[in-house]
């Protein structure tokens, strides 16, 4: 059984969040929260109504990054 993976190029939209934690809305990959601490980003995302956000840390030097 093969699985199809959805791919998206987020390099342009995440570039301004360099070296920060971001929470993405799972169905659209829209940034719903960002910050320097993981806990703070999770809290902001949940306060915005997203109970299961996709969380990632954006590298300082953005290049190829697989999420």
C-alpha atoms as a PDB file:
ATOM      1  CA  UNK A   1       0.000   0.000   0.000  1.00  0.00           C
ATOM      2  CA  UNK A   2       1.446   3.364  -0.967  1.00  0.00           C
ATOM      3  CA  UNK A   3       0.746   6.602   0.853  1.00  0.00           C
ATOM      4  CA  UNK A   4       0.394   9.916  -0.884  1.00  0.00           C
ATOM      5  CA  UNK A   5       2.001  12.793   0.922  1.00  0.00           C
ATOM      6  CA  UNK A   6       0.854  16.334   0.463  1.00  0.00           C
ATOM      7  CA  UNK A   7       3.742  18.667  -0.286  1.00  0.00           C
ATOM      8  CA  UNK A   8       3.845  22.432  -0.006  1.00  0.00           C
ATOM      9  CA  UNK A   9       6.588  24.985  -0.454  1.00  0.00           C
ATOM     10  CA  UNK A  10       6.381  27.162   2.649  1.00  0.00           C
ATOM     11  CA  UNK A  11       9.788  28.779   2.206  1.00  0.00           C
ATOM     12  CA  UNK A  12       8.431  32.205   1.245  1.00  0.00           C
ATOM     13  CA  UNK A  13       5.697  32.350   3.865  1.00  0.00           C
ATOM     14  CA  UNK A  14       7.924  31.111   6.727  1.00  0.00           C
ATOM     15  CA  UNK A  15      11.037  33.134   5.866  1.00  0.00           C
ATOM     16  CA  UNK A  16       9.921  36.047   8.072  1.00  0.00           C
ATOM     17  CA  UNK A  17       9.701  33.662  11.068  1.00  0.00           C
ATOM     18  CA  UNK A  18      13.411  32.807  10.978  1.00  0.00           C
ATOM     19  CA  UNK A  19      14.641  31.234  14.244  1.00  0.00           C
ATOM     20  CA  UNK A  20      11.125  31.160  15.775  1.00  0.00           C
ATOM     21  CA  UNK A  21       8.519  28.544  16.658  1.00  0.00           C
ATOM     22  CA  UNK A  22       5.398  28.611  14.499  1.00  0.00           C
ATOM     23  CA  UNK A  23       2.002  26.934  14.708  1.00  0.00           C
ATOM     24  CA  UNK A  24       0.293  26.156  11.433  1.00  0.00           C
ATOM     25  CA  UNK A  25      -3.373  25.488  10.806  1.00  0.00           C
ATOM     26  CA  UNK A  26      -3.347  21.817   9.697  1.00  0.00           C
ATOM     27  CA  UNK A  27      -5.777  22.115   6.792  1.00  0.00           C
ATOM     28  CA  UNK A  28      -4.304  25.250   5.180  1.00  0.00           C
ATOM     29  CA  UNK A  29      -0.740  25.561   6.565  1.00  0.00           C
ATOM     30  CA  UNK A  30      -1.602  29.162   7.514  1.00  0.00           C
ATOM     31  CA  UNK A  31       0.538  30.519  10.357  1.00  0.00           C
ATOM     32  CA  UNK A  32      -1.727  31.033  13.365  1.00  0.00           C
ATOM     33  CA  UNK A  33       0.903  31.775  16.017  1.00  0.00           C
ATOM     34  CA  UNK A  34       4.617  32.425  16.289  1.00  0.00           C
ATOM     35  CA  UNK A  35       7.112  33.197  19.014  1.00  0.00           C
ATOM     36  CA  UNK A  36      10.348  32.347  20.761  1.00  0.00           C
ATOM     37  CA  UNK A  37       8.952  29.697  23.116  1.00  0.00           C
ATOM     38  CA  UNK A  38       7.263  26.452  22.155  1.00  0.00           C
ATOM     39  CA  UNK A  39       4.838  26.625  25.080  1.00  0.00           C
ATOM     40  CA  UNK A  40       3.760  30.151  24.230  1.00  0.00           C
ATOM     41  CA  UNK A  41       3.106  29.251  20.600  1.00  0.00           C
ATOM     42  CA  UNK A  42       1.035  26.209  21.554  1.00  0.00           C
ATOM     43  CA  UNK A  43      -0.975  28.317  24.011  1.00  0.00           C
ATOM     44  CA  UNK A  44      -1.637  31.045  21.393  1.00  0.00           C
ATOM     45  CA  UNK A  45      -2.675  28.452  18.810  1.00  0.00           C
ATOM     46  CA  UNK A  46      -5.130  26.807  21.197  1.00  0.00           C
ATOM     47  CA  UNK A  47      -6.521  30.189  22.242  1.00  0.00           C
ATOM     48  CA  UNK A  48      -7.207  30.879  18.551  1.00  0.00           C
ATOM     49  CA  UNK A  49      -9.375  27.755  18.433  1.00  0.00           C
ATOM     50  CA  UNK A  50      -6.930  25.298  16.868  1.00  0.00           C
ATOM     51  CA  UNK A  51      -6.625  22.329  19.234  1.00  0.00           C
ATOM     52  CA  UNK A  52      -4.114  20.317  17.158  1.00  0.00           C
ATOM     53  CA  UNK A  53      -1.829  22.728  15.286  1.00  0.00           C
ATOM     54  CA  UNK A  54       1.213  21.654  13.295  1.00  0.00           C
ATOM     55  CA  UNK A  55       4.219  22.985  15.233  1.00  0.00           C
ATOM     56  CA  UNK A  56       7.692  23.525  13.821  1.00  0.00           C
ATOM     57  CA  UNK A  57      10.787  25.591  14.441  1.00  0.00           C
ATOM     58  CA  UNK A  58      11.866  27.653  11.465  1.00  0.00           C
ATOM     59  CA  UNK A  59      15.637  27.411  10.933  1.00  0.00           C
ATOM     60  CA  UNK A  60      17.730  30.557  11.249  1.00  0.00           C
ATOM     61  CA  UNK A  61      19.098  30.089   7.734  1.00  0.00           C
ATOM     62  CA  UNK A  62      16.139  28.890   5.731  1.00  0.00           C
ATOM     63  CA  UNK A  63      17.020  26.394   3.038  1.00  0.00           C
ATOM     64  CA  UNK A  64      15.554  23.024   2.233  1.00  0.00           C
ATOM     65  CA  UNK A  65      13.563  21.846   5.237  1.00  0.00           C
ATOM     66  CA  UNK A  66      11.261  18.837   5.375  1.00  0.00           C
ATOM     67  CA  UNK A  67       8.372  19.039   7.791  1.00  0.00           C
END
